[in-house]
Amino acid sequence: MSSVPASAFLALALILFCIGLYGALTKRNTVIVLISIELMLNAVNINLVTFSKYGMAPSITGQIFALFTISVAAAEAAVGLAILMALYRTKKTVNIDEMNTMKN
């Protein structure tokens, strides 16, 4: 077994999720919002792996879900950055308040 307790991993995940939530809700830059969402997804991955290792019935299921979440996060980042680049070409800004419509 590991010498690091499960509560340390859960506390780390909680801190990462809170930082990501704060960034996603308060920042106006779309790049920062995307990074904050990625931070929250990584906090979820830490929780999944922690519960798969330290849970009542340790198994590999949580790690498989973590891999699935990583793939979904990669797709989300690719689509988000593509949308951001398309909006930046038309609006010339990354401010989220000025991106309220998909039309010119």
PDB file of N, CA and C in Angstrom:
ATOM      1  N   MET A   1       0.841  -1.187   0.000  1.00  0.00           N
ATOM      2  CA  MET A   1       0.000   0.000   0.000  1.00  0.00           C
ATOM      3  C   MET A   1       0.875   1.235   0.000  1.00  0.00           C
ATOM      4  N   SER A   2       0.286   2.317  -0.391  1.00  0.00           N
ATOM      5  CA  SER A   2       1.003   3.585  -0.463  1.00  0.00           C
ATOM      6  C   SER A   2       1.052   4.244   0.910  1.00  0.00           C
ATOM      7  N   SER A   3       2.104   5.039   1.132  1.00  0.00           N
ATOM      8  CA  SER A   3       2.207   5.750   2.401  1.00  0.00           C
ATOM      9  C   SER A   3       1.398   7.033   2.408  1.00  0.00           C
ATOM     10  N   VAL A   4       0.932   7.467   1.241  1.00  0.00           N
ATOM     11  CA  VAL A   4       0.115   8.673   1.150  1.00  0.00           C
ATOM     12  C   VAL A   4      -1.342   8.288   1.378  1.00  0.00           C
ATOM     13  N   PRO A   5      -2.007   8.906   2.344  1.00  0.00           N
ATOM     14  CA  PRO A   5      -3.407   8.522   2.600  1.00  0.00           C
ATOM     15  C   PRO A   5      -4.345   9.036   1.505  1.00  0.00           C
ATOM     16  N   ALA A   6      -5.492   8.410   1.418  1.00  0.00           N
ATOM     17  CA  ALA A   6      -6.471   8.807   0.402  1.00  0.00           C
ATOM     18  C   ALA A   6      -6.966  10.224   0.630  1.00  0.00           C
ATOM     19  N   SER A   7      -6.992  10.649   1.887  1.00  0.00           N
ATOM     20  CA  SER A   7      -7.479  12.006   2.157  1.00  0.00           C
ATOM     21  C   SER A   7      -6.582  13.070   1.541  1.00  0.00           C
ATOM     22  N   ALA A   8      -5.301  12.792   1.395  1.00  0.00           N
ATOM     23  CA  ALA A   8      -4.397  13.758   0.749  1.00  0.00           C
ATOM     24  C   ALA A   8      -4.751  13.916  -0.727  1.00  0.00           C
ATOM     25  N   PHE A   9      -5.041  12.795  -1.395  1.00  0.00           N
ATOM     26  CA  PHE A   9      -5.434  12.872  -2.800  1.00  0.00           C
ATOM     27  C   PHE A   9      -6.772  13.585  -2.957  1.00  0.00           C
ATOM     28  N   LEU A  10      -7.696  13.292  -2.051  1.00  0.00           N
ATOM     29  CA  LEU A  10      -9.008  13.940  -2.136  1.00  0.00           C
ATOM     30  C   LEU A  10      -8.907  15.437  -1.856  1.00  0.00           C
ATOM     31  N   ALA A  11      -8.034  15.824  -0.923  1.00  0.00           N
ATOM     32  CA  ALA A  11      -7.841  17.249  -0.647  1.00  0.00           C
ATOM     33  C   ALA A  11      -7.221  17.946  -1.852  1.00  0.00           C
ATOM     34  N   LEU A  12      -6.245  17.291  -2.486  1.00  0.00           N
ATOM     35  CA  LEU A  12      -5.642  17.864  -3.691  1.00  0.00           C
ATOM     36  C   LEU A  12      -6.682  18.039  -4.786  1.00  0.00           C
ATOM     37  N   ALA A  13      -7.531  17.023  -4.979  1.00  0.00           N
ATOM     38  CA  ALA A  13      -8.578  17.116  -5.995  1.00  0.00           C
ATOM     39  C   ALA A  13      -9.564  18.226  -5.669  1.00  0.00           C
ATOM     40  N   LEU A  14      -9.891  18.383  -4.393  1.00  0.00           N
ATOM     41  CA  LEU A  14     -10.810  19.446  -3.991  1.00  0.00           C
ATOM     42  C   LEU A  14     -10.211  20.818  -4.274  1.00  0.00           C
ATOM     43  N   ILE A  15      -8.939  20.987  -3.952  1.00  0.00           N
ATOM     44  CA  ILE A  15      -8.281  22.278  -4.191  1.00  0.00           C
ATOM     45  C   ILE A  15      -8.220  22.578  -5.690  1.00  0.00           C
ATOM     46  N   LEU A  16      -7.848  21.578  -6.492  1.00  0.00           N
ATOM     47  CA  LEU A  16      -7.783  21.787  -7.942  1.00  0.00           C
ATOM     48  C   LEU A  16      -9.157  22.122  -8.511  1.00  0.00           C
ATOM     49  N   PHE A  17     -10.180  21.413  -8.031  1.00  0.00           N
ATOM     50  CA  PHE A  17     -11.529  21.666  -8.543  1.00  0.00           C
ATOM     51  C   PHE A  17     -11.996  23.074  -8.164  1.00  0.00           C
ATOM     52  N   CYS A  18     -11.704  23.496  -6.944  1.00  0.00           N
ATOM     53  CA  CYS A  18     -12.115  24.832  -6.512  1.00  0.00           C
ATOM     54  C   CYS A  18     -11.398  25.925  -7.311  1.00  0.00           C
ATOM     55  N   ILE A  19     -10.104  25.724  -7.561  1.00  0.00           N
ATOM     56  CA  ILE A  19      -9.366  26.699  -8.374  1.00  0.00           C
ATOM     57  C   ILE A  19      -9.952  26.751  -9.788  1.00  0.00           C
ATOM     58  N   GLY A  20     -10.249  25.589 -10.352  1.00  0.00           N
ATOM     59  CA  GLY A  20     -10.837  25.548 -11.689  1.00  0.00           C
ATOM     60  C   GLY A  20     -12.212  26.179 -11.730  1.00  0.00           C
ATOM     61  N   LEU A  21     -13.024  25.910 -10.715  1.00  0.00           N
ATOM     62  CA  LEU A  21     -14.362  26.501 -10.664  1.00  0.00           C
ATOM     63  C   LEU A  21     -14.284  28.010 -10.530  1.00  0.00           C
ATOM     64  N   TYR A  22     -13.379  28.496  -9.696  1.00  0.00           N
ATOM     65  CA  TYR A  22     -13.199  29.942  -9.542  1.00  0.00           C
ATOM     66  C   TYR A  22     -12.787  30.569 -10.871  1.00  0.00           C
ATOM     67  N   GLY A  23     -11.846  29.930 -11.558  1.00  0.00           N
ATOM     68  CA  GLY A  23     -11.384  30.472 -12.836  1.00  0.00           C
ATOM     69  C   GLY A  23     -12.473  30.452 -13.894  1.00  0.00           C
ATOM     70  N   ALA A  24     -13.261  29.387 -13.923  1.00  0.00           N
ATOM     71  CA  ALA A  24     -14.316  29.286 -14.940  1.00  0.00           C
ATOM     72  C   ALA A  24     -15.439  30.278 -14.696  1.00  0.00           C
ATOM     73  N   LEU A  25     -15.698  30.600 -13.424  1.00  0.00           N
ATOM     74  CA  LEU A  25     -16.827  31.491 -13.130  1.00  0.00           C
ATOM     75  C   LEU A  25     -16.448  32.966 -13.110  1.00  0.00           C
ATOM     76  N   THR A  26     -15.194  33.296 -12.852  1.00  0.00           N
ATOM     77  CA  THR A  26     -14.842  34.699 -12.663  1.00  0.00           C
ATOM     78  C   THR A  26     -14.034  35.308 -13.791  1.00  0.00           C
ATOM     79  N   LYS A  27     -13.313  34.522 -14.559  1.00  0.00           N
ATOM     80  CA  LYS A  27     -12.431  35.082 -15.583  1.00  0.00           C
ATOM     81  C   LYS A  27     -13.200  35.370 -16.858  1.00  0.00           C
ATOM     82  N   ARG A  28     -12.781  36.374 -17.580  1.00  0.00           N
ATOM     83  CA  ARG A  28     -13.432  36.802 -18.822  1.00  0.00           C
ATOM     84  C   ARG A  28     -12.666  36.347 -20.049  1.00  0.00           C
ATOM     85  N   ASN A  29     -11.465  35.845 -19.883  1.00  0.00           N
ATOM     86  CA  ASN A  29     -10.661  35.373 -21.001  1.00  0.00           C
ATOM     87  C   ASN A  29     -11.057  33.931 -21.315  1.00  0.00           C
ATOM     88  N   THR A  30     -11.394  33.646 -22.563  1.00  0.00           N
ATOM     89  CA  THR A  30     -11.881  32.313 -22.911  1.00  0.00           C
ATOM     90  C   THR A  30     -10.793  31.249 -22.800  1.00  0.00           C
ATOM     91  N   VAL A  31      -9.556  31.612 -23.018  1.00  0.00           N
ATOM     92  CA  VAL A  31      -8.466  30.642 -22.871  1.00  0.00           C
ATOM     93  C   VAL A  31      -8.342  30.225 -21.403  1.00  0.00           C
ATOM     94  N   ILE A  32      -8.449  31.191 -20.502  1.00  0.00           N
ATOM     95  CA  ILE A  32      -8.382  30.891 -19.077  1.00  0.00           C
ATOM     96  C   ILE A  32      -9.569  30.026 -18.665  1.00  0.00           C
ATOM     97  N   VAL A  33     -10.729  30.277 -19.227  1.00  0.00           N
ATOM     98  CA  VAL A  33     -11.911  29.472 -18.907  1.00  0.00           C
ATOM     99  C   VAL A  33     -11.709  28.026 -19.369  1.00  0.00           C
ATOM    100  N   LEU A  34     -11.141  27.843 -20.566  1.00  0.00           N
ATOM    101  CA  LEU A  34     -10.873  26.485 -21.047  1.00  0.00           C
ATOM    102  C   LEU A  34      -9.857  25.773 -20.162  1.00  0.00           C
ATOM    103  N   ILE A  35      -8.818  26.484 -19.752  1.00  0.00           N
ATOM    104  CA  ILE A  35      -7.817  25.886 -18.857  1.00  0.00           C
ATOM    105  C   ILE A  35      -8.445  25.535 -17.512  1.00  0.00           C
ATOM    106  N   SER A  36      -9.342  26.372 -17.031  1.00  0.00           N
ATOM    107  CA  SER A  36     -10.011  26.103 -15.760  1.00  0.00           C
ATOM    108  C   SER A  36     -10.893  24.863 -15.850  1.00  0.00           C
ATOM    109  N   ILE A  37     -11.560  24.693 -16.972  1.00  0.00           N
ATOM    110  CA  ILE A  37     -12.385  23.489 -17.165  1.00  0.00           C
ATOM    111  C   ILE A  37     -11.502  22.246 -17.197  1.00  0.00           C
ATOM    112  N   GLU A  38     -10.355  22.345 -17.849  1.00  0.00           N
ATOM    113  CA  GLU A  38      -9.413  21.218 -17.855  1.00  0.00           C
ATOM    114  C   GLU A  38      -8.930  20.894 -16.445  1.00  0.00           C
ATOM    115  N   LEU A  39      -8.713  21.936 -15.645  1.00  0.00           N
ATOM    116  CA  LEU A  39      -8.282  21.727 -14.265  1.00  0.00           C
ATOM    117  C   LEU A  39      -9.351  20.974 -13.471  1.00  0.00           C
ATOM    118  N   MET A  40     -10.607  21.333 -13.685  1.00  0.00           N
ATOM    119  CA  MET A  40     -11.696  20.632 -12.998  1.00  0.00           C
ATOM    120  C   MET A  40     -11.781  19.177 -13.447  1.00  0.00           C
ATOM    121  N   LEU A  41     -11.585  18.916 -14.744  1.00  0.00           N
ATOM    122  CA  LEU A  41     -11.622  17.534 -15.226  1.00  0.00           C
ATOM    123  C   LEU A  41     -10.469  16.717 -14.650  1.00  0.00           C
ATOM    124  N   ASN A  42      -9.308  17.350 -14.488  1.00  0.00           N
ATOM    125  CA  ASN A  42      -8.179  16.630 -13.878  1.00  0.00           C
ATOM    126  C   ASN A  42      -8.441  16.347 -12.409  1.00  0.00           C
ATOM    127  N   ALA A  43      -9.147  17.224 -11.717  1.00  0.00           N
ATOM    128  CA  ALA A  43      -9.526  16.955 -10.330  1.00  0.00           C
ATOM    129  C   ALA A  43     -10.457  15.745 -10.264  1.00  0.00           C
ATOM    130  N   VAL A  44     -11.354  15.643 -11.212  1.00  0.00           N
ATOM    131  CA  VAL A  44     -12.243  14.473 -11.273  1.00  0.00           C
ATOM    132  C   VAL A  44     -11.432  13.204 -11.521  1.00  0.00           C
ATOM    133  N   ASN A  45     -10.425  13.299 -12.384  1.00  0.00           N
ATOM    134  CA  ASN A  45      -9.576  12.133 -12.650  1.00  0.00           C
ATOM    135  C   ASN A  45      -8.849  11.677 -11.396  1.00  0.00           C
ATOM    136  N   ILE A  46      -8.351  12.629 -10.608  1.00  0.00           N
ATOM    137  CA  ILE A  46      -7.679  12.268  -9.356  1.00  0.00           C
ATOM    138  C   ILE A  46      -8.650  11.549  -8.437  1.00  0.00           C
ATOM    139  N   ASN A  47      -9.871  12.039  -8.350  1.00  0.00           N
ATOM    140  CA  ASN A  47     -10.878  11.370  -7.516  1.00  0.00           C
ATOM    141  C   ASN A  47     -11.176   9.959  -8.019  1.00  0.00           C
ATOM    142  N   LEU A  48     -11.310   9.800  -9.327  1.00  0.00           N
ATOM    143  CA  LEU A  48     -11.609   8.476  -9.886  1.00  0.00           C
ATOM    144  C   LEU A  48     -10.503   7.477  -9.581  1.00  0.00           C
ATOM    145  N   VAL A  49      -9.267   7.901  -9.762  1.00  0.00           N
ATOM    146  CA  VAL A  49      -8.150   6.996  -9.509  1.00  0.00           C
ATOM    147  C   VAL A  49      -8.016   6.709  -8.017  1.00  0.00           C
ATOM    148  N   THR A  50      -8.243   7.732  -7.183  1.00  0.00           N
ATOM    149  CA  THR A  50      -8.165   7.528  -5.730  1.00  0.00           C
ATOM    150  C   THR A  50      -9.210   6.533  -5.258  1.00  0.00           C
ATOM    151  N   PHE A  51     -10.438   6.699  -5.714  1.00  0.00           N
ATOM    152  CA  PHE A  51     -11.485   5.779  -5.279  1.00  0.00           C
ATOM    153  C   PHE A  51     -11.294   4.385  -5.870  1.00  0.00           C
ATOM    154  N   SER A  52     -10.669   4.301  -7.048  1.00  0.00           N
ATOM    155  CA  SER A  52     -10.422   2.959  -7.591  1.00  0.00           C
ATOM    156  C   SER A  52      -9.329   2.237  -6.810  1.00  0.00           C
ATOM    157  N   LYS A  53      -8.399   3.001  -6.216  1.00  0.00           N
ATOM    158  CA  LYS A  53      -7.327   2.365  -5.454  1.00  0.00           C
ATOM    159  C   LYS A  53      -7.699   2.163  -3.987  1.00  0.00           C
ATOM    160  N   TYR A  54      -8.338   3.173  -3.381  1.00  0.00           N
ATOM    161  CA  TYR A  54      -8.610   3.127  -1.948  1.00  0.00           C
ATOM    162  C   TYR A  54     -10.070   2.827  -1.617  1.00  0.00           C
ATOM    163  N   GLY A  55     -10.888   2.586  -2.601  1.00  0.00           N
ATOM    164  CA  GLY A  55     -12.313   2.378  -2.367  1.00  0.00           C
ATOM    165  C   GLY A  55     -12.594   1.082  -1.626  1.00  0.00           C
ATOM    166  N   MET A  56     -13.875   0.831  -1.388  1.00  0.00           N
ATOM    167  CA  MET A  56     -14.270  -0.368  -0.648  1.00  0.00           C
ATOM    168  C   MET A  56     -13.952  -1.639  -1.432  1.00  0.00           C
ATOM    169  N   ALA A  57     -14.085  -1.570  -2.754  1.00  0.00           N
ATOM    170  CA  ALA A  57     -13.747  -2.703  -3.609  1.00  0.00           C
ATOM    171  C   ALA A  57     -12.768  -2.208  -4.669  1.00  0.00           C
ATOM    172  N   PRO A  58     -11.466  -2.163  -4.348  1.00  0.00           N
ATOM    173  CA  PRO A  58     -10.494  -1.641  -5.316  1.00  0.00           C
ATOM    174  C   PRO A  58     -10.519  -2.431  -6.625  1.00  0.00           C
ATOM    175  N   SER A  59     -10.590  -1.696  -7.715  1.00  0.00           N
ATOM    176  CA  SER A  59     -10.589  -2.330  -9.031  1.00  0.00           C
ATOM    177  C   SER A  59     -10.029  -1.338 -10.037  1.00  0.00           C
ATOM    178  N   ILE A  60      -9.974  -1.745 -11.259  1.00  0.00           N
ATOM    179  CA  ILE A  60      -9.400  -0.910 -12.308  1.00  0.00           C
ATOM    180  C   ILE A  60     -10.466  -0.048 -12.980  1.00  0.00           C
ATOM    181  N   THR A  61     -11.717  -0.164 -12.558  1.00  0.00           N
ATOM    182  CA  THR A  61     -12.814   0.558 -13.193  1.00  0.00           C
ATOM    183  C   THR A  61     -12.618   2.071 -13.131  1.00  0.00           C
ATOM    184  N   GLY A  62     -12.200   2.591 -11.996  1.00  0.00           N
ATOM    185  CA  GLY A  62     -11.990   4.028 -11.873  1.00  0.00           C
ATOM    186  C   GLY A  62     -10.896   4.536 -12.782  1.00  0.00           C
ATOM    187  N   GLN A  63      -9.861   3.732 -12.957  1.00  0.00           N
ATOM    188  CA  GLN A  63      -8.780   4.143 -13.850  1.00  0.00           C
ATOM    189  C   GLN A  63      -9.237   4.141 -15.302  1.00  0.00           C
ATOM    190  N   ILE A  64     -10.113   3.214 -15.649  1.00  0.00           N
ATOM    191  CA  ILE A  64     -10.657   3.188 -17.006  1.00  0.00           C
ATOM    192  C   ILE A  64     -11.538   4.414 -17.237  1.00  0.00           C
ATOM    193  N   PHE A  65     -12.338   4.764 -16.232  1.00  0.00           N
ATOM    194  CA  PHE A  65     -13.143   5.985 -16.343  1.00  0.00           C
ATOM    195  C   PHE A  65     -12.250   7.212 -16.450  1.00  0.00           C
ATOM    196  N   ALA A  66     -11.121   7.219 -15.745  1.00  0.00           N
ATOM    197  CA  ALA A  66     -10.191   8.339 -15.839  1.00  0.00           C
ATOM    198  C   ALA A  66      -9.631   8.464 -17.253  1.00  0.00           C
ATOM    199  N   LEU A  67      -9.272   7.341 -17.867  1.00  0.00           N
ATOM    200  CA  LEU A  67      -8.801   7.384 -19.255  1.00  0.00           C
ATOM    201  C   LEU A  67      -9.892   7.901 -20.193  1.00  0.00           C
ATOM    202  N   PHE A  68     -11.130   7.472 -19.968  1.00  0.00           N
ATOM    203  CA  PHE A  68     -12.248   7.968 -20.772  1.00  0.00           C
ATOM    204  C   PHE A  68     -12.403   9.474 -20.590  1.00  0.00           C
ATOM    205  N   THR A  69     -12.285   9.951 -19.353  1.00  0.00           N
ATOM    206  CA  THR A  69     -12.406  11.382 -19.084  1.00  0.00           C
ATOM    207  C   THR A  69     -11.281  12.163 -19.741  1.00  0.00           C
ATOM    208  N   ILE A  70     -10.067  11.599 -19.744  1.00  0.00           N
ATOM    209  CA  ILE A  70      -8.941  12.272 -20.406  1.00  0.00           C
ATOM    210  C   ILE A  70      -9.211  12.406 -21.903  1.00  0.00           C
ATOM    211  N   SER A  71      -9.774  11.373 -22.517  1.00  0.00           N
ATOM    212  CA  SER A  71     -10.065  11.450 -23.950  1.00  0.00           C
ATOM    213  C   SER A  71     -11.173  12.460 -24.229  1.00  0.00           C
ATOM    214  N   VAL A  72     -12.177  12.505 -23.359  1.00  0.00           N
ATOM    215  CA  VAL A  72     -13.251  13.495 -23.534  1.00  0.00           C
ATOM    216  C   VAL A  72     -12.693  14.905 -23.333  1.00  0.00           C
ATOM    217  N   ALA A  73     -11.787  15.069 -22.373  1.00  0.00           N
ATOM    218  CA  ALA A  73     -11.186  16.378 -22.135  1.00  0.00           C
ATOM    219  C   ALA A  73     -10.347  16.825 -23.322  1.00  0.00           C
ATOM    220  N   ALA A  74      -9.647  15.889 -23.940  1.00  0.00           N
ATOM    221  CA  ALA A  74      -8.851  16.243 -25.118  1.00  0.00           C
ATOM    222  C   ALA A  74      -9.748  16.683 -26.267  1.00  0.00           C
ATOM    223  N   ALA A  75     -10.844  15.974 -26.463  1.00  0.00           N
ATOM    224  CA  ALA A  75     -11.787  16.362 -27.519  1.00  0.00           C
ATOM    225  C   ALA A  75     -12.423  17.712 -27.201  1.00  0.00           C
ATOM    226  N   GLU A  76     -12.755  17.924 -25.937  1.00  0.00           N
ATOM    227  CA  GLU A  76     -13.343  19.197 -25.518  1.00  0.00           C
ATOM    228  C   GLU A  76     -12.370  20.342 -25.752  1.00  0.00           C
ATOM    229  N   ALA A  77     -11.112  20.129 -25.451  1.00  0.00           N
ATOM    230  CA  ALA A  77     -10.112  21.180 -25.655  1.00  0.00           C
ATOM    231  C   ALA A  77      -9.938  21.470 -27.137  1.00  0.00           C
ATOM    232  N   ALA A  78      -9.913  20.437 -27.961  1.00  0.00           N
ATOM    233  CA  ALA A  78      -9.743  20.649 -29.401  1.00  0.00           C
ATOM    234  C   ALA A  78     -10.923  21.416 -29.985  1.00  0.00           C
ATOM    235  N   VAL A  79     -12.130  21.023 -29.623  1.00  0.00           N
ATOM    236  CA  VAL A  79     -13.316  21.722 -30.138  1.00  0.00           C
ATOM    237  C   VAL A  79     -13.384  23.145 -29.586  1.00  0.00           C
ATOM    238  N   GLY A  80     -13.080  23.300 -28.297  1.00  0.00           N
ATOM    239  CA  GLY A  80     -13.112  24.634 -27.692  1.00  0.00           C
ATOM    240  C   GLY A  80     -12.104  25.567 -28.312  1.00  0.00           C
ATOM    241  N   LEU A  81     -10.894  25.088 -28.550  1.00  0.00           N
ATOM    242  CA  LEU A  81      -9.884  25.939 -29.177  1.00  0.00           C
ATOM    243  C   LEU A  81     -10.242  26.250 -30.625  1.00  0.00           C
ATOM    244  N   ALA A  82     -10.850  25.303 -31.333  1.00  0.00           N
ATOM    245  CA  ALA A  82     -11.273  25.574 -32.714  1.00  0.00           C
ATOM    246  C   ALA A  82     -12.359  26.646 -32.742  1.00  0.00           C
ATOM    247  N   ILE A  83     -13.316  26.553 -31.832  1.00  0.00           N
ATOM    248  CA  ILE A  83     -14.361  27.577 -31.756  1.00  0.00           C
ATOM    249  C   ILE A  83     -13.754  28.918 -31.369  1.00  0.00           C
ATOM    250  N   LEU A  84     -12.828  28.894 -30.425  1.00  0.00           N
ATOM    251  CA  LEU A  84     -12.175  30.129 -29.990  1.00  0.00           C
ATOM    252  C   LEU A  84     -11.414  30.781 -31.131  1.00  0.00           C
ATOM    253  N   MET A  85     -10.691  29.986 -31.913  1.00  0.00           N
ATOM    254  CA  MET A  85      -9.945  30.559 -33.038  1.00  0.00           C
ATOM    255  C   MET A  85     -10.880  31.128 -34.090  1.00  0.00           C
ATOM    256  N   ALA A  86     -11.993  30.444 -34.353  1.00  0.00           N
ATOM    257  CA  ALA A  86     -12.955  30.955 -35.331  1.00  0.00           C
ATOM    258  C   ALA A  86     -13.584  32.256 -34.850  1.00  0.00           C
ATOM    259  N   LEU A  87     -13.905  32.326 -33.561  1.00  0.00           N
ATOM    260  CA  LEU A  87     -14.475  33.569 -33.026  1.00  0.00           C
ATOM    261  C   LEU A  87     -13.442  34.686 -32.977  1.00  0.00           C
ATOM    262  N   TYR A  88     -12.195  34.334 -32.700  1.00  0.00           N
ATOM    263  CA  TYR A  88     -11.152  35.362 -32.656  1.00  0.00           C
ATOM    264  C   TYR A  88     -10.918  35.958 -34.038  1.00  0.00           C
ATOM    265  N   ARG A  89     -11.041  35.143 -35.072  1.00  0.00           N
ATOM    266  CA  ARG A  89     -10.852  35.667 -36.427  1.00  0.00           C
ATOM    267  C   ARG A  89     -11.928  36.684 -36.786  1.00  0.00           C
ATOM    268  N   THR A  90     -13.134  36.493 -36.272  1.00  0.00           N
ATOM    269  CA  THR A  90     -14.213  37.417 -36.619  1.00  0.00           C
ATOM    270  C   THR A  90     -14.316  38.582 -35.636  1.00  0.00           C
ATOM    271  N   LYS A  91     -14.125  38.331 -34.350  1.00  0.00           N
ATOM    272  CA  LYS A  91     -14.324  39.370 -33.330  1.00  0.00           C
ATOM    273  C   LYS A  91     -13.037  40.089 -32.937  1.00  0.00           C
ATOM    274  N   LYS A  92     -11.875  39.459 -33.146  1.00  0.00           N
ATOM    275  CA  LYS A  92     -10.568  40.027 -32.757  1.00  0.00           C
ATOM    276  C   LYS A  92     -10.459  40.253 -31.250  1.00  0.00           C
ATOM    277  N   THR A  93     -11.077  39.391 -30.470  1.00  0.00           N
ATOM    278  CA  THR A  93     -10.969  39.473 -29.010  1.00  0.00           C
ATOM    279  C   THR A  93     -11.162  38.085 -28.408  1.00  0.00           C
ATOM    280  N   VAL A  94     -10.645  37.897 -27.194  1.00  0.00           N
ATOM    281  CA  VAL A  94     -10.874  36.641 -26.470  1.00  0.00           C
ATOM    282  C   VAL A  94     -11.735  36.887 -25.238  1.00  0.00           C
ATOM    283  N   ASN A  95     -12.289  38.091 -25.112  1.00  0.00           N
ATOM    284  CA  ASN A  95     -13.154  38.423 -23.980  1.00  0.00           C
ATOM    285  C   ASN A  95     -14.480  37.687 -24.128  1.00  0.00           C
ATOM    286  N   ILE A  96     -14.867  36.969 -23.100  1.00  0.00           N
ATOM    287  CA  ILE A  96     -16.053  36.122 -23.185  1.00  0.00           C
ATOM    288  C   ILE A  96     -17.346  36.954 -23.240  1.00  0.00           C
ATOM    289  N   ASP A  97     -17.316  38.185 -22.746  1.00  0.00           N
ATOM    290  CA  ASP A  97     -18.507  39.035 -22.774  1.00  0.00           C
ATOM    291  C   ASP A  97     -18.831  39.521 -24.181  1.00  0.00           C
ATOM    292  N   GLU A  98     -17.826  39.602 -25.030  1.00  0.00           N
ATOM    293  CA  GLU A  98     -18.039  40.081 -26.389  1.00  0.00           C
ATOM    294  C   GLU A  98     -18.336  38.955 -27.364  1.00  0.00           C
ATOM    295  N   MET A  99     -18.412  37.732 -26.882  1.00  0.00           N
ATOM    296  CA  MET A  99     -18.689  36.570 -27.737  1.00  0.00           C
ATOM    297  C   MET A  99     -20.069  36.029 -27.429  1.00  0.00           C
ATOM    298  N   ASN A 100     -21.072  36.852 -27.545  1.00  0.00           N
ATOM    299  CA  ASN A 100     -22.416  36.427 -27.204  1.00  0.00           C
ATOM    300  C   ASN A 100     -23.228  35.969 -28.400  1.00  0.00           C
ATOM    301  N   THR A 101     -22.659  35.993 -29.581  1.00  0.00           N
ATOM    302  CA  THR A 101     -23.371  35.550 -30.759  1.00  0.00           C
ATOM    303  C   THR A 101     -22.409  34.847 -31.702  1.00  0.00           C
ATOM    304  N   MET A 102     -22.920  33.916 -32.491  1.00  0.00           N
ATOM    305  CA  MET A 102     -22.090  33.204 -33.455  1.00  0.00           C
ATOM    306  C   MET A 102     -22.056  33.928 -34.793  1.00  0.00           C
ATOM    307  N   LYS A 103     -22.941  34.929 -34.971  1.00  0.00           N
ATOM    308  CA  LYS A 103     -22.947  35.681 -36.218  1.00  0.00           C
ATOM    309  C   LYS A 103     -21.974  36.835 -36.111  1.00  0.00           C
ATOM    310  N   ASN A 104     -21.678  37.446 -37.268  1.00  0.00           N
ATOM    311  CA  ASN A 104     -20.761  38.589 -37.271  1.00  0.00           C
ATOM    312  C   ASN A 104     -21.408  39.740 -36.649  1.00  0.00           C
TER     313      ASN A 104
END
